[in-house]
Amino acid sequence: MIIPVNLGDASYDIILEPGALSRVGQYLSLDRKVLIVTDSGVPARYAETVAAQCREPVSVCLPEGEGSKCFDCFRQLLSAMLHASFTRGDCVVAVGGGVVGDLSGFAASCYMRGIDFYNIPTTLLSQVDSSIGGKTAIDFEGVKNVVGAFCQPRRVLIDPDTLDTLDDRQLHAGLAEAIKMSLTSDRVLFQRIRDSRNLKQDLPDIIHRALLIKKDVVEKDPREGGLRRVLNFGHTVGHAIESAQGGRLLHGECVALGMLPLCTPAVRAQLRPVLEKYDLPVTCPQTAGELRPYLLHDKKMQAGQVTAVYVEEVGSFVLRKADPEALLAAWEEVNGKESSPS
């Protein structure tokens, strides 16, 4: 299945096809120098499959985890390309989850002011969310995604078969992003996830529906000037939780928590059982006071406010300006934790 993302000169296709990884050379232009970026948590055979179909592969395997979204790893990728004499005609291929994709895309956007970038997401989280849309970044001084650039991929290759190696925790964390999009934009998708009796069997349809939502939003707002803020549902509070947790919770688990304070009680009553069904957290130890410093440094904050996404009814959303204290108060309400002194 080919899903076109129409962005004028920056348009690209998403290939969604079981077994596509083994045919990567048919879909991506690899007859050149190719920097293949993966991490230690991704089965090595995925990157090896890509390398076998490249004319001149250069492979870099980073440590698994959010800690690799840093300047040191960014420099490592640039150094690998420079020492291998990459030119503007060469490319970067990310093989892994959101960390690998974000870091690789940022490196591709900066090397020689930009070279081709392909994304092969191998986690559910990255397949339904971070692999498309062109947002690339690294973390800096404990703040997520605060240094980065928009870099649209030349093509995205999604092979659902790569999800077979994920454990349930990783799979369910990825599902949180699909739940997020269903709450704001697709009641039928929410019901499909809620009522699923065989998640792995239902995943191709869930991925497809989630991709159609993100494709529509990205096409209308490629640089997050307005509508695209809907994709941040759950992320403002979620990113603060993720930073405060220091990696103990997965990104999708933090998004799950971050959605709860921005739903009406009626929606929250529908959401909580779905999160619990997939072993996603509905409470965590972080107080409002502990989250405050991270909210204040959120890159979306402008003039002391952020445009927050609220869900008042499953399948629709509203955008409202909110200050950090309002978000922290909502977090206290759903999490049952008192704010520590600021």
Protein backbone atom coordinates (compact mmCIF):
# COMPACT_ATOMS: atom_id res chain seq x y z
CA MET A 1 0.00 0.00 0.00
CA ILE A 2 1.31 3.42 -0.97
CA ILE A 3 0.15 6.42 1.07
CA PRO A 4 1.21 9.69 -0.58
CA VAL A 5 2.02 12.70 1.60
CA ASN A 6 1.43 15.74 -0.59
CA LEU A 7 3.74 18.61 0.38
CA GLY A 8 4.61 20.16 -2.97
CA ASP A 9 8.34 19.85 -3.66
CA ALA A 10 8.77 18.00 -0.35
CA SER A 11 6.16 15.31 -1.12
CA TYR A 12 6.95 11.68 -0.38
CA ASP A 13 5.33 8.27 -0.17
CA ILE A 14 4.77 6.01 2.80
CA ILE A 15 5.11 2.35 1.81
CA LEU A 16 3.05 0.14 4.15
CA GLU A 17 3.65 -3.49 3.29
CA PRO A 18 4.43 -6.69 5.21
CA GLY A 19 7.85 -7.97 4.18
CA ALA A 20 8.88 -4.66 2.62
CA LEU A 21 12.18 -4.59 4.52
CA SER A 22 13.50 -7.53 2.51
CA ARG A 23 12.77 -5.58 -0.69
CA VAL A 24 14.14 -2.24 0.51
CA GLY A 25 16.36 -1.85 -2.56
CA GLN A 26 13.26 -1.73 -4.75
CA TYR A 27 11.76 1.16 -2.80
CA LEU A 28 14.72 3.33 -1.79
CA SER A 29 17.54 4.77 -3.88
CA LEU A 30 20.52 2.97 -2.34
CA ASP A 31 22.98 2.92 -5.25
CA ARG A 32 25.28 5.38 -3.44
CA LYS A 33 26.92 5.89 -0.06
CA VAL A 34 24.35 5.21 2.63
CA LEU A 35 24.69 5.93 6.35
CA ILE A 36 22.58 3.28 8.08
CA VAL A 37 21.73 4.29 11.65
CA THR A 38 20.30 1.83 14.14
CA ASP A 39 20.60 1.12 17.86
CA SER A 40 21.44 -1.80 20.13
CA GLY A 41 17.77 -2.50 20.86
CA VAL A 42 16.90 -3.13 17.20
CA PRO A 43 17.52 -6.65 15.83
CA ALA A 44 20.83 -6.41 13.96
CA ARG A 45 19.43 -8.27 10.98
CA TYR A 46 17.20 -5.31 10.08
CA ALA A 47 20.15 -2.99 9.43
CA GLU A 48 22.09 -5.85 7.84
CA THR A 49 19.21 -6.43 5.41
CA VAL A 50 19.39 -2.78 4.37
CA ALA A 51 23.19 -2.80 4.12
CA ALA A 52 23.13 -5.83 1.82
CA GLN A 53 21.12 -3.81 -0.70
CA CYS A 54 23.31 -0.67 -0.64
CA ARG A 55 26.19 0.01 -3.02
CA GLU A 56 28.38 1.48 -0.26
CA PRO A 57 26.90 1.12 3.24
CA VAL A 58 28.33 2.79 6.34
CA SER A 59 26.64 1.49 9.49
CA VAL A 60 26.44 3.09 12.93
CA CYS A 61 24.83 1.33 15.90
CA LEU A 62 24.03 3.63 18.83
CA PRO A 63 23.18 2.68 22.42
CA GLU A 64 19.49 2.00 22.90
CA GLY A 65 17.39 4.64 24.65
CA GLU A 66 16.51 8.32 24.81
CA GLY A 67 20.02 9.12 25.99
CA SER A 68 21.26 8.72 22.42
CA LYS A 69 19.31 11.80 21.31
CA CYS A 70 22.26 13.97 22.31
CA PHE A 71 25.00 16.12 20.82
CA ASP A 72 27.62 13.37 21.21
CA CYS A 73 25.64 10.91 19.07
CA PHE A 74 24.70 13.68 16.64
CA ARG A 75 28.40 14.44 16.26
CA GLN A 76 29.14 10.72 15.80
CA LEU A 77 26.82 10.54 12.80
CA LEU A 78 28.25 13.70 11.21
CA SER A 79 31.76 12.41 11.80
CA ALA A 80 30.94 9.04 10.18
CA MET A 81 29.68 10.80 7.05
CA LEU A 82 32.58 13.22 6.89
CA HIS A 83 35.23 10.53 7.30
CA ALA A 84 33.51 8.39 4.64
CA SER A 85 33.53 11.39 2.26
CA PHE A 86 29.76 11.61 1.92
CA THR A 87 28.56 14.19 -0.61
CA ARG A 88 25.23 15.90 -1.14
CA GLY A 89 24.28 13.04 -3.42
CA ASP A 90 24.45 10.46 -0.63
CA CYS A 91 21.83 9.64 2.01
CA VAL A 92 20.95 8.57 5.55
CA VAL A 93 18.65 5.65 6.39
CA ALA A 94 17.21 5.30 9.89
CA VAL A 95 16.37 1.74 10.96
CA GLY A 96 14.73 1.73 14.36
CA GLY A 97 12.37 3.64 16.59
CA GLY A 98 11.74 7.30 17.22
CA VAL A 99 15.12 8.01 18.81
CA VAL A 100 16.98 6.69 15.77
CA GLY A 101 14.64 8.46 13.37
CA ASP A 102 14.77 11.83 15.14
CA LEU A 103 18.54 11.82 15.47
CA SER A 104 19.22 10.52 11.96
CA GLY A 105 16.85 12.98 10.35
CA PHE A 106 18.46 15.88 12.20
CA ALA A 107 21.93 14.76 11.11
CA ALA A 108 20.74 14.44 7.50
CA SER A 109 19.22 17.93 7.64
CA CYS A 110 22.52 19.46 8.82
CA TYR A 111 25.20 17.58 6.87
CA MET A 112 26.19 19.78 3.91
CA ARG A 113 22.98 21.76 4.59
CA GLY A 114 20.85 18.72 3.90
CA ILE A 115 21.06 15.32 2.20
CA ASP A 116 18.41 12.68 1.46
CA PHE A 117 16.85 10.95 4.45
CA TYR A 118 14.85 7.71 4.48
CA ASN A 119 13.02 6.36 7.51
CA ILE A 120 12.39 2.68 8.22
CA PRO A 121 10.55 2.67 11.56
CA THR A 122 10.60 -0.67 13.39
CA THR A 123 8.46 0.14 16.44
CA LEU A 124 4.73 0.76 16.54
CA LEU A 125 5.33 4.16 18.13
CA SER A 126 7.50 5.35 15.26
CA GLN A 127 5.38 3.70 12.58
CA VAL A 128 2.21 5.57 13.52
CA ASP A 129 3.78 8.85 14.60
CA SER A 130 7.37 10.06 14.59
CA SER A 131 8.47 8.51 11.29
CA ILE A 132 6.39 10.92 9.20
CA GLY A 133 5.95 14.66 9.30
CA GLY A 134 9.56 15.79 9.14
CA LYS A 135 10.09 16.78 12.79
CA THR A 136 13.64 15.83 13.81
CA ALA A 137 15.50 16.77 16.97
CA ILE A 138 17.80 15.94 19.84
CA ASP A 139 17.36 16.60 23.54
CA PHE A 140 19.42 19.25 25.32
CA GLU A 141 20.08 19.81 29.03
CA GLY A 142 17.24 17.50 30.00
CA VAL A 143 14.65 19.12 27.73
CA LYS A 144 13.17 16.91 25.01
CA ASN A 145 13.42 17.83 21.33
CA VAL A 146 14.51 21.41 22.00
CA VAL A 147 17.21 21.44 19.28
CA GLY A 148 16.16 20.26 15.83
CA ALA A 149 14.87 21.01 12.36
CA PHE A 150 12.09 20.14 9.94
CA CYS A 151 13.45 17.54 7.52
CA GLN A 152 10.89 15.72 5.40
CA PRO A 153 11.99 12.18 4.49
CA ARG A 154 12.35 11.16 0.85
CA ARG A 155 10.32 8.05 1.62
CA VAL A 156 9.09 6.07 4.63
CA LEU A 157 9.06 2.27 4.57
CA ILE A 158 6.80 0.57 7.12
CA ASP A 159 6.99 -3.20 7.45
CA PRO A 160 4.51 -4.43 10.09
CA ASP A 161 6.47 -7.69 10.32
CA THR A 162 9.20 -5.85 12.25
CA LEU A 163 6.75 -5.50 15.15
CA ASP A 164 6.92 -9.25 15.80
CA THR A 165 10.12 -8.76 17.80
CA LEU A 166 8.63 -6.16 20.18
CA ASP A 167 7.65 -7.10 23.70
CA ASP A 168 4.17 -6.20 24.94
CA ARG A 169 5.36 -3.12 26.83
CA GLN A 170 6.93 -1.56 23.72
CA LEU A 171 3.95 -2.51 21.58
CA HIS A 172 1.45 -1.00 24.00
CA ALA A 173 3.54 2.16 24.41
CA GLY A 174 3.36 2.60 20.65
CA LEU A 175 -0.36 1.98 20.72
CA ALA A 176 -0.71 5.04 22.97
CA GLU A 177 0.05 7.27 19.97
CA ALA A 178 -2.69 5.58 17.94
CA ILE A 179 -5.08 6.02 20.89
CA LYS A 180 -4.08 9.69 20.96
CA MET A 181 -4.98 10.19 17.31
CA SER A 182 -8.21 8.25 17.64
CA LEU A 183 -9.35 10.45 20.54
CA THR A 184 -8.86 13.66 18.59
CA SER A 185 -9.82 12.53 15.11
CA ASP A 186 -11.35 9.06 14.64
CA ARG A 187 -14.04 7.61 16.90
CA VAL A 188 -14.11 4.40 14.86
CA LEU A 189 -10.38 3.86 15.42
CA PHE A 190 -10.86 4.39 19.16
CA GLN A 191 -13.60 1.76 19.17
CA ARG A 192 -11.42 -0.61 17.14
CA ILE A 193 -8.61 -0.34 19.68
CA ARG A 194 -10.99 -0.52 22.63
CA ASP A 195 -12.74 -3.64 21.35
CA SER A 196 -9.76 -5.48 19.84
CA ARG A 197 -9.47 -9.13 20.83
CA ASN A 198 -6.30 -9.75 18.84
CA LEU A 199 -4.15 -6.64 18.72
CA LYS A 200 -1.43 -8.06 16.46
CA GLN A 201 -4.03 -9.15 13.94
CA ASP A 202 -5.64 -5.70 14.02
CA LEU A 203 -2.39 -3.73 13.83
CA PRO A 204 -2.19 -3.27 10.02
CA ASP A 205 -5.59 -1.57 10.02
CA ILE A 206 -4.78 0.46 13.15
CA ILE A 207 -1.50 1.63 11.60
CA HIS A 208 -3.24 2.53 8.33
CA ARG A 209 -5.98 4.56 10.00
CA ALA A 210 -3.49 6.37 12.23
CA LEU A 211 -1.28 7.20 9.24
CA LEU A 212 -4.23 8.66 7.34
CA ILE A 213 -4.93 10.99 10.28
CA LYS A 214 -1.34 12.19 10.50
CA LYS A 215 -1.00 12.50 6.72
CA ASP A 216 -4.05 14.76 6.58
CA VAL A 217 -2.80 16.97 9.38
CA VAL A 218 0.77 17.21 8.04
CA GLU A 219 -0.43 18.10 4.56
CA LYS A 220 -2.55 20.95 5.91
CA ASP A 221 0.09 22.22 8.34
CA PRO A 222 3.60 20.95 7.50
CA ARG A 223 5.47 23.22 9.95
CA GLU A 224 3.17 23.17 12.97
CA GLY A 225 1.70 26.61 12.51
CA GLY A 226 -1.82 25.75 13.56
CA LEU A 227 -3.77 22.52 12.98
CA ARG A 228 -0.74 20.29 13.47
CA ARG A 229 -0.81 21.15 17.15
CA VAL A 230 -3.52 18.49 17.43
CA LEU A 231 -0.74 15.90 17.18
CA ASN A 232 0.65 17.28 20.45
CA PHE A 233 -2.35 15.99 22.40
CA GLY A 234 -0.95 14.44 25.56
CA HIS A 235 2.59 15.58 24.77
CA THR A 236 2.90 18.84 26.70
CA VAL A 237 2.33 17.22 30.07
CA GLY A 238 3.66 13.90 28.74
CA HIS A 239 7.04 15.35 27.79
CA ALA A 240 7.35 16.94 31.23
CA ILE A 241 6.63 13.57 32.85
CA GLU A 242 9.13 11.88 30.55
CA SER A 243 11.87 14.35 31.43
CA ALA A 244 11.12 14.15 35.16
CA GLN A 245 11.08 10.34 35.02
CA GLY A 246 14.54 10.28 33.46
CA GLY A 247 13.76 7.38 31.14
CA ARG A 248 11.95 5.11 33.61
CA LEU A 249 8.75 5.40 31.57
CA LEU A 250 8.59 4.95 27.80
CA HIS A 251 7.49 7.85 25.61
CA GLY A 252 4.11 6.29 24.83
CA GLU A 253 3.48 5.62 28.51
CA CYS A 254 4.10 9.31 29.24
CA VAL A 255 1.76 10.36 26.43
CA ALA A 256 -0.91 8.09 27.93
CA LEU A 257 -0.56 9.92 31.24
CA GLY A 258 -0.44 13.30 29.51
CA MET A 259 -3.78 12.79 27.78
CA LEU A 260 -5.77 12.31 30.97
CA PRO A 261 -5.70 15.90 32.33
CA LEU A 262 -6.79 17.31 28.95
CA CYS A 263 -9.95 15.22 28.61
CA THR A 264 -13.38 15.93 30.02
CA PRO A 265 -14.45 13.58 32.84
CA ALA A 266 -16.74 11.75 30.40
CA VAL A 267 -13.91 11.10 27.93
CA ARG A 268 -11.55 10.22 30.76
CA ALA A 269 -14.03 7.58 31.90
CA GLN A 270 -13.80 5.98 28.45
CA LEU A 271 -10.04 6.40 28.15
CA ARG A 272 -8.88 4.95 31.46
CA PRO A 273 -10.22 1.39 30.81
CA VAL A 274 -8.53 1.37 27.39
CA LEU A 275 -5.19 2.43 28.88
CA GLU A 276 -5.55 -0.19 31.60
CA LYS A 277 -6.45 -2.87 29.01
CA TYR A 278 -3.07 -2.33 27.39
CA ASP A 279 -1.14 -1.98 30.67
CA LEU A 280 -0.53 1.74 30.13
CA PRO A 281 -0.15 3.87 33.27
CA VAL A 282 -2.96 6.06 34.58
CA THR A 283 -1.02 7.53 37.54
CA CYS A 284 2.64 8.23 38.34
CA PRO A 285 4.63 9.67 41.27
CA GLN A 286 5.42 13.07 39.71
CA THR A 287 3.90 16.05 41.50
CA ALA A 288 2.92 19.26 39.77
CA GLY A 289 5.89 20.98 41.39
CA GLU A 290 8.27 18.43 39.91
CA LEU A 291 6.80 18.89 36.44
CA ARG A 292 6.76 22.72 36.55
CA PRO A 293 10.39 23.34 35.42
CA TYR A 294 9.96 21.12 32.38
CA LEU A 295 6.66 22.71 31.36
CA LEU A 296 8.23 26.17 31.56
CA HIS A 297 10.92 25.08 29.08
CA ASP A 298 8.54 23.42 26.64
CA LYS A 299 9.48 24.59 23.14
CA LYS A 300 5.80 25.24 22.35
CA MET A 301 5.49 27.79 25.16
CA GLN A 302 5.01 31.35 23.89
CA ALA A 303 4.51 34.41 26.09
CA GLY A 304 3.94 32.13 29.07
CA GLN A 305 1.21 30.09 27.39
CA VAL A 306 0.92 26.99 25.25
CA THR A 307 -1.81 26.08 22.79
CA ALA A 308 -3.19 22.95 24.44
CA VAL A 309 -5.33 20.28 22.80
CA TYR A 310 -8.48 19.33 24.71
CA VAL A 311 -10.79 16.42 23.95
CA GLU A 312 -14.37 17.01 25.02
CA GLU A 313 -15.83 14.19 22.92
CA VAL A 314 -14.12 11.14 21.42
CA GLY A 315 -13.20 11.85 17.81
CA SER A 316 -12.96 15.64 18.06
CA PHE A 317 -10.81 18.28 19.72
CA VAL A 318 -10.52 21.96 20.58
CA LEU A 319 -7.42 24.14 20.84
CA ARG A 320 -7.15 26.52 23.79
CA LYS A 321 -4.44 28.72 25.23
CA ALA A 322 -3.34 27.52 28.65
CA ASP A 323 -0.69 28.63 31.10
CA PRO A 324 1.52 26.12 32.92
CA GLU A 325 -0.34 26.52 36.21
CA ALA A 326 -3.64 25.53 34.61
CA LEU A 327 -2.05 22.41 33.16
CA LEU A 328 -0.42 21.57 36.48
CA ALA A 329 -3.72 21.99 38.30
CA ALA A 330 -5.38 19.62 35.83
CA TRP A 331 -2.55 17.14 36.40
CA GLU A 332 -3.06 17.31 40.17
CA GLU A 333 -6.76 16.66 39.70
CA VAL A 334 -6.31 13.44 37.71
CA ASN A 335 -3.15 12.19 39.40
CA GLY A 336 -4.13 12.89 42.98
CA LYS A 337 -0.73 14.38 43.89
CA GLU A 338 -0.30 17.64 45.72
CA SER A 339 1.93 20.29 44.16
CA SER A 340 5.29 20.76 45.85
CA PRO A 341 6.43 24.33 46.51
CA SER A 342 7.63 26.19 43.40
